[in-house]
Amino acid sequence: MKLKIKTLTPIHIGTGKELTPLEFFNNYRINYDKLFDLIAEEKRDEFFNWIDQVQETSFSVTDIQKKFNIKPNDIISKCGLYRFNQSFQDKAREGIKDSSNKLFIPGSSIKGAIRTALLYKVLKNHSFNSTLSNSIESLLSKANNLRGQTGKIKNLLKSADEELQNEVFICGVLREKDGKREIKYDDQKYDLLKLIRVSDSESVPTDTNGEICELQVYALKKDRPHKQFKVYAESIDNNTELEFDISIDIGFLKQAKIELNKTNSDFGKKYFIGIEQKLKNLFDIDIKNDIEFDEGKIIKTILKTLNNFGESVSILESEWVNSIKNKNNSSFSSLEKLYKIKNKFKLGFDSGFIGMTILPLLLDNPTLKQKAYEFYKAVGIGFHRSTNTPLNINEFPFTRKYSKNQTVFGGFGWVSILSGNEIETVNETTQSGEVAHTQSKPSNSVLAEIIDDKSKPPKVKILEGTDVNVETIMPGVRLEGLGLSKNSKVYVVLSKNKKGGIEKADFKGKV
């Protein structure tokens, strides 16, 4: 089934590599190998003499361009990989791209979000309270025995949820050893998440759907939050739609039903033990009695699970924002609109501890909350680095990242999934939350007119204020989806560089 991910905020899926401003020239990322080939081709002797004498371990493209007097257009046309509309001041996390340097979302990232949401759904069932409690107690006991052994503590954290993952997703297999028969739930061949297949998303051009997002990291303190540091990340812009495929192995379900209804089959007795209850818990599938297996229905169940988990994360985030918004001069007003959107979940960087674990479930149960607190303290999770003070479970996690690319702080990492007839409904909700049909003028915005609806990104002319008649780009907007075209009037917020020049106009609403 084809679905679409719609980014409600910028999102970042990283490669693990960090980029520096030295690699960019006029906002283009430059391939150094091609740049050196270009210089060597035009100024061979001068280039090799410079290589022999240069002492720096790194040098900017701008320095090289000036040193050898290379035409900027030649560098961009022959060595440029892709372009962003923003510059940045420090290292930036590299976003994952395809061979054409276009941004995309890996299927593994989507499936990882599904796994966390399904784990949360199943463990939320009261019948799993003792399982969850026993698991945390076991982890705490192991952590206490490993105090001071940093390496072994790290290994424990890597496998912390392994027991719960096995309990929820993996069916049992009967094994015999030394004459003893034992059921094991640790063989990945029997992982029911393998029934779900998720493709990579389509890719989108970085120049029209990408941005280098500046994130402010806030830490919670008693009196007021403080900005700890900035993070830059190559991100897919908000309001971008990316198509992907998701499918369910219906053939396996049909065969499993046949085997389970055989009296002489080992299926469900010696292998795939417990499959009936696990399928029911995960996907609401009654493997023995369902007349047919509807792929669309199963996928709808998965999407509902994603959105339910996203709502739990959203509630915790909104509570955090409400606890600090009167303690800080920065505006978080745009987040209130974001948190009102129901069909959403977090993906990629800044899914955070809340969005990548079952923490929302632990915080909802006083007994589990206390046990989690003891375990986190034992392994050193949640310490304030600046003061080395231990975790306060009522504040944990005490840092959040917010996009500063707009004039007000916006969320990060939030997406929605659109499918079939739901696309129009979800779009209406989302666009309403993003002020897409604004009749009154948004704060800090100015009136502008679309002067070129064919260019990518479209161009606008400012109609009021100190920048009247200035032309600029308006990235991250699909005009046709909003019923906009040339000569349409819109409200925009201007992004400017240090010298006061306009870099872009961020769309805020229709007039």
Protein backbone atom coordinates (compact mmCIF):
# COMPACT_ATOMS: atom_id res chain seq x y z
CA MET A 1 0.00 0.00 0.00
CA LYS A 2 1.27 3.43 -0.93
CA LEU A 3 1.26 5.99 1.86
CA LYS A 4 2.68 9.46 2.32
CA ILE A 5 4.63 10.91 5.19
CA LYS A 6 3.87 14.60 5.66
CA THR A 7 6.42 16.52 7.72
CA LEU A 8 4.64 18.75 10.21
CA THR A 9 7.98 20.19 11.33
CA PRO A 10 11.53 19.81 9.97
CA ILE A 11 12.94 16.32 10.51
CA HIS A 12 16.49 14.99 10.42
CA ILE A 13 17.61 11.43 9.65
CA GLY A 14 21.38 11.45 10.05
CA THR A 15 24.35 9.62 8.57
CA GLY A 16 26.40 10.00 11.75
CA LYS A 17 28.77 12.39 9.97
CA GLU A 18 29.25 16.04 10.86
CA LEU A 19 29.78 18.77 8.26
CA THR A 20 31.56 22.08 8.76
CA PRO A 21 31.01 25.49 7.12
CA LEU A 22 34.38 24.96 5.39
CA GLU A 23 32.70 22.48 3.04
CA PHE A 24 30.20 25.07 1.78
CA PHE A 25 30.60 27.86 -0.75
CA ASN A 26 27.76 30.30 -1.43
CA ASN A 27 25.54 27.80 0.44
CA TYR A 28 26.56 24.96 -1.91
CA ARG A 29 28.22 21.89 -0.48
CA ILE A 30 31.40 21.36 -2.47
CA ASN A 31 33.11 18.09 -3.39
CA TYR A 32 36.77 18.70 -2.48
CA ASP A 33 38.07 15.99 -4.82
CA LYS A 34 36.38 17.65 -7.78
CA LEU A 35 37.58 21.06 -6.59
CA PHE A 36 41.20 19.90 -6.44
CA ASP A 37 40.84 18.30 -9.87
CA LEU A 38 39.52 21.61 -11.19
CA ILE A 39 42.44 23.59 -9.75
CA ALA A 40 45.03 21.05 -10.85
CA GLU A 41 43.60 21.14 -14.35
CA GLU A 42 43.83 24.93 -14.64
CA LYS A 43 46.84 25.72 -12.43
CA ARG A 44 48.72 22.47 -12.06
CA ASP A 45 52.18 23.68 -10.99
CA GLU A 46 50.88 26.35 -8.65
CA PHE A 47 48.48 23.87 -7.05
CA PHE A 48 51.10 21.18 -6.37
CA ASN A 49 53.54 23.72 -4.95
CA TRP A 50 50.79 24.88 -2.60
CA ILE A 51 49.97 21.31 -1.57
CA ASP A 52 53.61 20.71 -0.63
CA GLN A 53 53.80 23.89 1.46
CA VAL A 54 50.38 24.10 3.11
CA GLN A 55 50.37 23.43 6.85
CA GLU A 56 46.64 23.63 7.64
CA THR A 57 44.78 20.39 8.26
CA SER A 58 41.62 22.02 6.89
CA PHE A 59 40.85 25.02 4.73
CA SER A 60 37.70 26.61 3.42
CA VAL A 61 36.52 26.54 -0.16
CA THR A 62 36.40 30.34 -0.02
CA ASP A 63 40.09 30.51 0.89
CA ILE A 64 40.98 28.16 -1.95
CA GLN A 65 38.85 30.14 -4.41
CA LYS A 66 40.64 33.37 -3.50
CA LYS A 67 44.08 31.74 -3.48
CA PHE A 68 43.78 30.42 -7.02
CA ASN A 69 41.32 33.00 -8.35
CA ILE A 70 38.86 30.34 -9.52
CA LYS A 71 35.57 31.65 -10.89
CA PRO A 72 32.79 31.06 -8.34
CA ASN A 73 30.42 29.80 -11.04
CA ASP A 74 32.97 27.18 -12.08
CA ILE A 75 33.25 25.90 -8.52
CA ILE A 76 29.48 25.70 -8.17
CA SER A 77 28.75 24.15 -11.58
CA LYS A 78 31.62 21.63 -11.55
CA CYS A 79 32.04 20.84 -7.86
CA GLY A 80 28.70 21.63 -6.20
CA LEU A 81 26.76 18.70 -4.77
CA TYR A 82 23.62 20.44 -3.52
CA ARG A 83 22.49 23.77 -2.11
CA PHE A 84 20.73 25.04 1.00
CA ASN A 85 19.21 28.48 1.42
CA GLN A 86 20.78 28.89 4.87
CA SER A 87 24.32 29.16 6.09
CA PHE A 88 25.42 27.88 9.49
CA GLN A 89 28.07 28.79 12.01
CA ASP A 90 29.22 25.49 13.49
CA LYS A 91 29.26 21.80 12.69
CA ALA A 92 26.06 20.41 11.20
CA ARG A 93 24.73 16.87 11.35
CA GLU A 94 24.64 15.45 7.83
CA GLY A 95 21.24 14.29 6.59
CA ILE A 96 20.96 10.98 4.76
CA LYS A 97 20.64 11.33 0.96
CA ASP A 98 20.47 9.09 -2.09
CA SER A 99 23.07 8.86 -4.85
CA SER A 100 21.65 12.05 -6.41
CA ASN A 101 22.14 13.97 -3.16
CA LYS A 102 18.39 14.14 -2.52
CA LEU A 103 16.99 13.78 0.98
CA PHE A 104 14.81 10.80 1.91
CA ILE A 105 13.53 8.83 4.90
CA PRO A 106 14.88 5.26 5.23
CA GLY A 107 12.31 2.52 5.68
CA SER A 108 14.29 1.34 8.72
CA SER A 109 13.55 4.66 10.47
CA ILE A 110 9.83 4.31 9.83
CA LYS A 111 9.86 0.69 10.96
CA GLY A 112 11.78 1.64 14.10
CA ALA A 113 9.04 4.11 15.01
CA ILE A 114 6.44 1.38 14.40
CA ARG A 115 8.31 -1.04 16.66
CA THR A 116 8.44 1.45 19.56
CA ALA A 117 4.75 2.31 19.18
CA LEU A 118 3.71 -1.36 19.10
CA LEU A 119 5.87 -2.12 22.14
CA TYR A 120 4.19 0.74 24.00
CA LYS A 121 0.72 -0.48 22.95
CA VAL A 122 1.24 -4.06 24.11
CA LEU A 123 2.97 -3.21 27.40
CA LYS A 124 0.25 -0.68 28.23
CA ASN A 125 -2.08 -3.64 28.72
CA HIS A 126 -2.52 -4.23 32.45
CA SER A 127 -1.74 -7.92 32.03
CA PHE A 128 1.86 -6.91 31.25
CA ASN A 129 2.37 -4.86 34.43
CA SER A 130 4.13 -7.69 36.25
CA THR A 131 6.27 -8.46 33.17
CA LEU A 132 7.38 -4.85 32.93
CA SER A 133 7.97 -4.55 36.67
CA ASN A 134 10.01 -7.76 36.80
CA SER A 135 12.08 -6.65 33.82
CA ILE A 136 13.00 -3.34 35.46
CA GLU A 137 13.83 -5.08 38.75
CA SER A 138 16.10 -7.49 36.89
CA LEU A 139 17.87 -4.60 35.16
CA LEU A 140 18.28 -2.75 38.45
CA SER A 141 19.84 -5.81 40.08
CA LYS A 142 22.30 -6.19 37.20
CA ALA A 143 23.14 -2.48 37.29
CA ASN A 144 23.85 -2.56 41.03
CA ASN A 145 26.21 -5.49 40.52
CA LEU A 146 28.09 -3.56 37.80
CA ARG A 147 28.64 -0.29 39.67
CA GLY A 148 31.83 1.41 38.52
CA GLN A 149 32.23 -0.90 35.49
CA THR A 150 31.53 1.67 32.76
CA GLY A 151 32.02 -0.65 29.81
CA LYS A 152 29.69 -3.32 31.15
CA ILE A 153 27.08 -0.68 32.09
CA LYS A 154 27.09 0.52 28.47
CA ASN A 155 26.55 -3.04 27.25
CA LEU A 156 23.69 -3.44 29.72
CA LEU A 157 22.02 -0.29 28.37
CA LYS A 158 22.34 -1.53 24.79
CA SER A 159 20.39 -4.67 25.67
CA ALA A 160 18.10 -3.10 28.30
CA ASP A 161 14.86 -3.68 26.44
CA GLU A 162 15.88 -6.96 24.81
CA GLU A 163 13.84 -9.08 27.20
CA LEU A 164 10.71 -6.98 26.64
CA GLN A 165 11.22 -6.96 22.87
CA ASN A 166 11.43 -10.75 22.89
CA GLU A 167 8.31 -11.00 25.05
CA VAL A 168 6.26 -8.79 22.74
CA PHE A 169 7.49 -9.59 19.23
CA ILE A 170 9.24 -12.96 19.14
CA CYS A 171 7.43 -16.28 19.15
CA GLY A 172 8.87 -19.22 21.06
CA VAL A 173 10.71 -22.27 19.76
CA LEU A 174 11.05 -25.59 21.63
CA ARG A 175 14.66 -26.69 22.08
CA GLU A 176 16.16 -29.82 23.58
CA LYS A 177 19.56 -29.86 25.27
CA ASP A 178 21.00 -32.56 27.51
CA GLY A 179 17.62 -34.25 27.58
CA LYS A 180 15.86 -31.08 28.77
CA ARG A 181 13.12 -29.35 26.80
CA GLU A 182 12.93 -25.56 27.02
CA ILE A 183 10.99 -22.85 25.19
CA LYS A 184 13.18 -19.93 24.06
CA TYR A 185 11.98 -16.53 22.87
CA ASP A 186 15.20 -15.18 21.38
CA ASP A 187 15.36 -16.40 17.77
CA GLN A 188 14.99 -13.50 15.30
CA LYS A 189 13.50 -15.88 12.71
CA TYR A 190 10.29 -15.80 14.75
CA ASP A 191 10.07 -12.02 15.10
CA LEU A 192 6.53 -11.03 14.05
CA LEU A 193 7.66 -7.55 13.04
CA LYS A 194 9.08 -9.27 9.96
CA LEU A 195 5.48 -9.42 8.72
CA ILE A 196 5.71 -5.67 8.07
CA ARG A 197 7.72 -4.49 5.07
CA VAL A 198 8.50 -0.78 4.76
CA SER A 199 10.29 0.80 1.81
CA ASP A 200 12.50 3.87 1.80
CA SER A 201 10.56 7.00 0.98
CA GLU A 202 10.89 8.79 -2.32
CA SER A 203 13.64 11.42 -2.32
CA VAL A 204 13.16 15.19 -2.52
CA PRO A 205 15.53 17.91 -3.80
CA THR A 206 17.59 19.54 -1.09
CA ASP A 207 17.34 23.01 -2.62
CA THR A 208 13.51 23.09 -2.45
CA ASN A 209 12.70 20.69 0.40
CA GLY A 210 15.80 20.87 2.58
CA GLU A 211 17.19 23.26 5.13
CA ILE A 212 19.96 23.53 7.66
CA CYS A 213 17.93 23.75 10.81
CA GLU A 214 19.22 25.60 13.84
CA LEU A 215 18.03 23.91 17.01
CA GLN A 216 18.15 25.54 20.41
CA VAL A 217 18.61 23.03 23.23
CA TYR A 218 16.78 24.02 26.40
CA ALA A 219 17.36 22.53 29.84
CA LEU A 220 14.83 22.73 32.64
CA LYS A 221 15.82 24.40 35.91
CA LYS A 222 13.81 25.46 38.93
CA ASP A 223 13.71 29.19 38.18
CA ARG A 224 13.87 29.34 34.39
CA PRO A 225 15.11 27.24 31.50
CA HIS A 226 18.47 28.06 30.00
CA LYS A 227 19.84 27.62 26.51
CA GLN A 228 22.64 25.12 26.81
CA PHE A 229 23.88 25.04 23.21
CA LYS A 230 22.88 25.06 19.55
CA VAL A 231 22.72 22.12 17.18
CA TYR A 232 22.64 22.39 13.39
CA ALA A 233 21.16 19.61 11.26
CA GLU A 234 20.51 19.06 7.56
CA SER A 235 16.78 18.51 7.59
CA ILE A 236 13.76 17.87 5.40
CA ASP A 237 11.63 21.00 5.56
CA ASN A 238 8.17 21.07 7.13
CA ASN A 239 5.12 20.63 4.91
CA THR A 240 6.95 18.12 2.67
CA GLU A 241 5.22 14.95 1.47
CA LEU A 242 7.21 11.78 0.74
CA GLU A 243 5.61 8.64 -0.64
CA PHE A 244 6.61 5.18 0.57
CA ASP A 245 5.28 1.62 0.50
CA ILE A 246 4.17 -0.52 3.42
CA SER A 247 2.94 -4.10 3.05
CA ILE A 248 1.95 -7.04 5.23
CA ASP A 249 2.96 -10.65 4.57
CA ILE A 250 -0.61 -11.90 4.09
CA GLY A 251 0.72 -15.15 2.59
CA PHE A 252 2.36 -16.05 5.90
CA LEU A 253 -0.84 -15.32 7.83
CA LYS A 254 -2.86 -17.58 5.53
CA GLN A 255 -0.36 -20.42 5.85
CA ALA A 256 -0.16 -19.93 9.63
CA LYS A 257 -3.94 -20.27 9.87
CA ILE A 258 -3.86 -23.53 7.91
CA GLU A 259 -1.07 -24.96 10.09
CA LEU A 260 -2.71 -23.94 13.36
CA ASN A 261 -5.92 -25.69 12.39
CA LYS A 262 -4.11 -28.96 11.63
CA THR A 263 -4.14 -31.45 14.47
CA ASN A 264 -0.76 -32.99 13.62
CA SER A 265 1.21 -29.79 12.88
CA ASP A 266 4.15 -28.65 15.02
CA PHE A 267 3.34 -25.04 14.14
CA GLY A 268 2.43 -23.22 17.34
CA LYS A 269 3.58 -26.21 19.43
CA LYS A 270 7.29 -26.55 18.69
CA TYR A 271 7.91 -23.31 16.82
CA PHE A 272 6.02 -20.01 16.54
CA ILE A 273 4.80 -20.79 20.05
CA GLY A 274 2.44 -18.10 21.32
CA ILE A 275 1.74 -16.67 17.87
CA GLU A 276 -2.03 -16.47 18.39
CA GLN A 277 -1.86 -14.12 21.39
CA LYS A 278 1.04 -12.08 20.04
CA LEU A 279 -0.74 -11.38 16.74
CA LYS A 280 -3.83 -10.36 18.71
CA ASN A 281 -1.82 -8.07 20.97
CA LEU A 282 0.13 -6.45 18.15
CA PHE A 283 -2.25 -6.21 15.20
CA ASP A 284 -5.69 -7.24 16.50
CA ILE A 285 -5.51 -10.34 14.28
CA ASP A 286 -7.45 -13.46 15.29
CA ILE A 287 -5.29 -15.90 13.35
CA LYS A 288 -7.57 -18.92 13.80
CA ASN A 289 -10.97 -17.35 13.32
CA ASP A 290 -10.58 -14.38 10.95
CA ILE A 291 -12.22 -15.34 7.65
CA GLU A 292 -9.74 -13.28 5.65
CA PHE A 293 -6.76 -11.05 6.38
CA ASP A 294 -7.27 -7.51 5.16
CA GLU A 295 -3.94 -5.75 4.58
CA GLY A 296 -5.59 -2.33 4.66
CA LYS A 297 -7.21 -3.06 8.01
CA ILE A 298 -3.94 -4.27 9.54
CA ILE A 299 -2.09 -1.19 8.29
CA LYS A 300 -4.84 1.02 9.68
CA THR A 301 -4.33 -0.65 13.08
CA ILE A 302 -0.60 0.09 12.87
CA LEU A 303 -1.20 3.74 11.98
CA LYS A 304 -3.63 4.07 14.88
CA THR A 305 -0.97 2.63 17.18
CA LEU A 306 1.61 5.12 15.86
CA ASN A 307 -0.75 8.05 16.41
CA ASN A 308 -1.76 6.89 19.89
CA PHE A 309 1.88 6.69 20.94
CA GLY A 310 2.53 10.05 19.28
CA GLU A 311 -0.29 11.56 21.33
CA SER A 312 1.30 10.28 24.55
CA VAL A 313 4.61 11.87 23.55
CA SER A 314 2.81 15.06 22.53
CA ILE A 315 1.10 15.35 25.91
CA LEU A 316 4.40 15.06 27.76
CA GLU A 317 6.07 17.61 25.48
CA SER A 318 3.21 20.10 25.83
CA GLU A 319 3.32 19.75 29.61
CA TRP A 320 7.03 20.54 29.51
CA VAL A 321 6.44 23.64 27.35
CA ASN A 322 3.64 24.83 29.64
CA SER A 323 5.97 24.48 32.62
CA ILE A 324 8.55 26.85 31.12
CA LYS A 325 6.72 29.24 28.82
CA ASN A 326 6.23 31.83 31.58
CA LYS A 327 9.86 31.52 32.64
CA ASN A 328 11.44 32.45 29.33
CA ASN A 329 11.24 35.38 26.96
CA SER A 330 11.16 33.20 23.83
CA SER A 331 7.86 32.47 22.11
CA PHE A 332 6.64 28.88 22.01
CA SER A 333 3.18 29.80 20.71
CA SER A 334 3.50 27.79 17.48
CA LEU A 335 3.90 24.60 19.53
CA GLU A 336 0.40 24.96 20.97
CA LYS A 337 -1.03 24.59 17.45
CA LEU A 338 1.27 21.64 16.75
CA TYR A 339 0.27 19.73 19.87
CA LYS A 340 -3.43 20.05 18.98
CA ILE A 341 -2.89 17.96 15.83
CA LYS A 342 -3.95 14.40 16.71
CA ASN A 343 -2.57 12.29 13.86
CA LYS A 344 1.18 12.64 14.38
CA PHE A 345 4.27 10.93 15.79
CA LYS A 346 8.00 11.61 16.02
CA LEU A 347 10.62 10.36 13.60
CA GLY A 348 14.40 10.61 13.41
CA PHE A 349 16.67 12.93 15.38
CA ASP A 350 15.02 14.47 18.45
CA SER A 351 12.52 11.68 18.81
CA GLY A 352 14.37 11.78 22.10
CA PHE A 353 14.17 9.52 25.13
CA ILE A 354 10.41 10.03 25.26
CA GLY A 355 9.79 9.21 21.60
CA MET A 356 12.19 6.26 21.31
CA THR A 357 11.36 4.40 24.54
CA ILE A 358 8.35 3.39 26.62
CA LEU A 359 9.06 6.19 29.10
CA PRO A 360 5.54 7.67 28.69
CA LEU A 361 4.18 4.37 30.00
CA LEU A 362 6.56 4.29 32.97
CA LEU A 363 5.71 7.85 34.00
CA ASP A 364 2.01 6.99 34.00
CA ASN A 365 2.38 4.34 36.70
CA PRO A 366 3.72 5.45 40.16
CA THR A 367 5.23 2.04 40.95
CA LEU A 368 6.92 1.64 37.57
CA LYS A 369 8.00 5.29 37.68
CA GLN A 370 9.86 4.77 40.95
CA LYS A 371 11.54 1.59 39.72
CA ALA A 372 12.59 3.33 36.49
CA TYR A 373 13.99 6.20 38.57
CA GLU A 374 16.13 3.80 40.61
CA PHE A 375 17.44 2.07 37.48
CA TYR A 376 18.25 5.34 35.68
CA LYS A 377 20.16 6.55 38.74
CA ALA A 378 22.08 3.27 38.98
CA VAL A 379 23.32 3.52 35.37
CA GLY A 380 23.87 7.30 35.38
CA ILE A 381 21.07 8.28 33.01
CA GLY A 382 19.75 11.81 33.51
CA PHE A 383 22.61 13.44 35.40
CA HIS A 384 22.95 17.20 34.86
CA ARG A 385 26.37 17.39 33.23
CA SER A 386 27.09 20.92 34.43
CA THR A 387 26.42 20.23 38.12
CA ASN A 388 26.68 16.41 38.22
CA THR A 389 23.44 16.32 40.19
CA PRO A 390 21.35 13.14 39.89
CA LEU A 391 18.14 12.61 38.02
CA ASN A 392 14.82 14.06 39.13
CA ILE A 393 12.27 11.71 37.56
CA ASN A 394 9.66 14.50 37.54
CA GLU A 395 11.88 16.59 35.27
CA PHE A 396 13.44 13.83 33.19
CA PRO A 397 14.29 14.15 30.38
CA PHE A 398 15.07 17.79 31.16
CA THR A 399 16.29 18.96 27.74
CA ARG A 400 14.31 19.65 24.56
CA LYS A 401 15.30 20.83 21.09
CA TYR A 402 13.31 23.46 19.20
CA SER A 403 13.79 24.80 15.69
CA LYS A 404 14.87 28.44 15.58
CA ASN A 405 14.61 28.82 11.78
CA GLN A 406 11.38 30.75 12.21
CA THR A 407 10.75 33.86 14.30
CA VAL A 408 9.04 31.72 16.94
CA PHE A 409 10.26 28.40 18.25
CA GLY A 410 8.80 25.44 16.40
CA GLY A 411 8.76 21.74 17.06
CA PHE A 412 11.12 19.24 15.48
CA GLY A 413 10.79 15.66 14.25
CA TRP A 414 6.97 15.54 13.97
CA VAL A 415 5.32 13.81 11.00
CA SER A 416 1.92 12.49 9.95
CA ILE A 417 1.04 9.61 7.63
CA LEU A 418 -1.53 10.19 4.91
CA SER A 419 -3.37 7.45 3.03
CA GLY A 420 -6.25 7.22 0.59
CA ASN A 421 -9.33 9.23 1.55
CA GLU A 422 -7.63 10.28 4.76
CA ILE A 423 -5.23 12.57 2.87
CA GLU A 424 -7.70 15.41 2.45
CA THR A 425 -8.98 15.14 6.03
CA VAL A 426 -5.52 15.07 7.59
CA ASN A 427 -4.31 17.86 5.32
CA GLU A 428 -7.15 20.09 6.44
CA THR A 429 -6.32 19.47 10.09
CA THR A 430 -2.61 19.95 9.54
CA GLN A 431 -2.95 23.08 7.45
CA SER A 432 -5.29 24.55 10.02
CA GLY A 433 -2.67 23.87 12.68
CA GLU A 434 -0.02 25.52 10.53
CA VAL A 435 -2.16 28.61 9.88
CA ALA A 436 -2.53 27.70 6.20
CA HIS A 437 -5.96 29.34 5.96
CA THR A 438 -5.26 32.42 8.02
CA GLN A 439 -7.72 35.26 7.56
CA SER A 440 -6.20 37.56 10.20
CA LYS A 441 -2.60 38.64 9.83
CA PRO A 442 -0.14 36.41 11.74
CA SER A 443 2.19 38.19 14.16
CA ASN A 444 5.53 39.42 12.76
CA SER A 445 4.39 38.72 9.18
CA VAL A 446 4.29 41.00 6.14
CA LEU A 447 2.16 40.97 3.01
CA ALA A 448 3.73 39.52 -0.14
CA GLU A 449 2.71 38.59 -3.69
CA ILE A 450 3.71 35.43 -5.55
CA ILE A 451 5.48 36.62 -8.71
CA ASP A 452 6.73 33.26 -10.01
CA ASP A 453 4.83 30.05 -9.25
CA LYS A 454 6.85 27.89 -11.66
CA SER A 455 10.29 28.32 -10.12
CA LYS A 456 11.43 25.93 -7.41
CA PRO A 457 11.14 27.32 -4.82
CA PRO A 458 8.50 29.91 -5.83
CA LYS A 459 9.38 33.62 -5.70
CA VAL A 460 7.53 36.41 -3.92
CA LYS A 461 7.72 40.20 -3.78
CA ILE A 462 7.31 42.00 -0.47
CA LEU A 463 4.44 44.52 -0.55
CA GLU A 464 4.86 46.36 2.75
CA GLY A 465 7.27 47.38 5.47
CA THR A 466 10.90 48.43 5.20
CA ASP A 467 11.59 45.71 2.59
CA VAL A 468 8.83 46.70 0.16
CA ASN A 469 9.45 45.59 -3.47
CA VAL A 470 12.28 43.22 -2.45
CA GLU A 471 12.05 39.83 -4.18
CA THR A 472 12.98 36.56 -2.49
CA ILE A 473 12.22 32.82 -2.43
CA MET A 474 9.49 31.04 -0.43
CA PRO A 475 10.72 27.43 0.13
CA GLY A 476 8.89 24.49 1.69
CA VAL A 477 5.48 25.26 0.17
CA ARG A 478 3.44 23.26 -2.35
CA LEU A 479 1.39 26.01 -4.01
CA GLU A 480 -1.05 23.73 -5.79
CA GLY A 481 -1.95 22.02 -2.52
CA LEU A 482 -2.93 25.37 -1.04
CA GLY A 483 -4.72 26.72 -4.11
CA LEU A 484 -2.04 29.38 -4.66
CA SER A 485 -0.63 30.62 -7.96
CA LYS A 486 1.01 33.66 -9.52
CA ASN A 487 -0.39 37.00 -8.21
CA SER A 488 -1.80 35.34 -5.05
CA LYS A 489 -1.30 37.34 -1.87
CA VAL A 490 0.25 35.63 1.15
CA TYR A 491 1.55 36.44 4.60
CA VAL A 492 5.24 35.65 5.15
CA VAL A 493 7.87 36.04 7.85
CA LEU A 494 11.26 37.14 6.57
CA SER A 495 14.50 35.37 7.48
CA LYS A 496 17.54 37.64 7.33
CA ASN A 497 21.30 37.16 7.50
CA LYS A 498 23.67 38.98 9.83
CA LYS A 499 23.99 41.90 7.41
CA GLY A 500 20.23 42.37 7.26
CA GLY A 501 19.79 40.88 3.79
CA ILE A 502 16.73 38.71 3.15
CA GLU A 503 17.51 35.01 2.74
CA LYS A 504 13.97 33.69 2.35
CA ALA A 505 10.30 34.22 3.18
CA ASP A 506 8.55 31.61 5.33
CA PHE A 507 4.91 31.07 4.37
CA LYS A 508 2.49 31.81 7.22
CA GLY A 509 -0.93 31.96 5.60
CA LYS A 510 -3.21 32.91 2.73
CA VAL A 511 -4.77 36.36 2.64
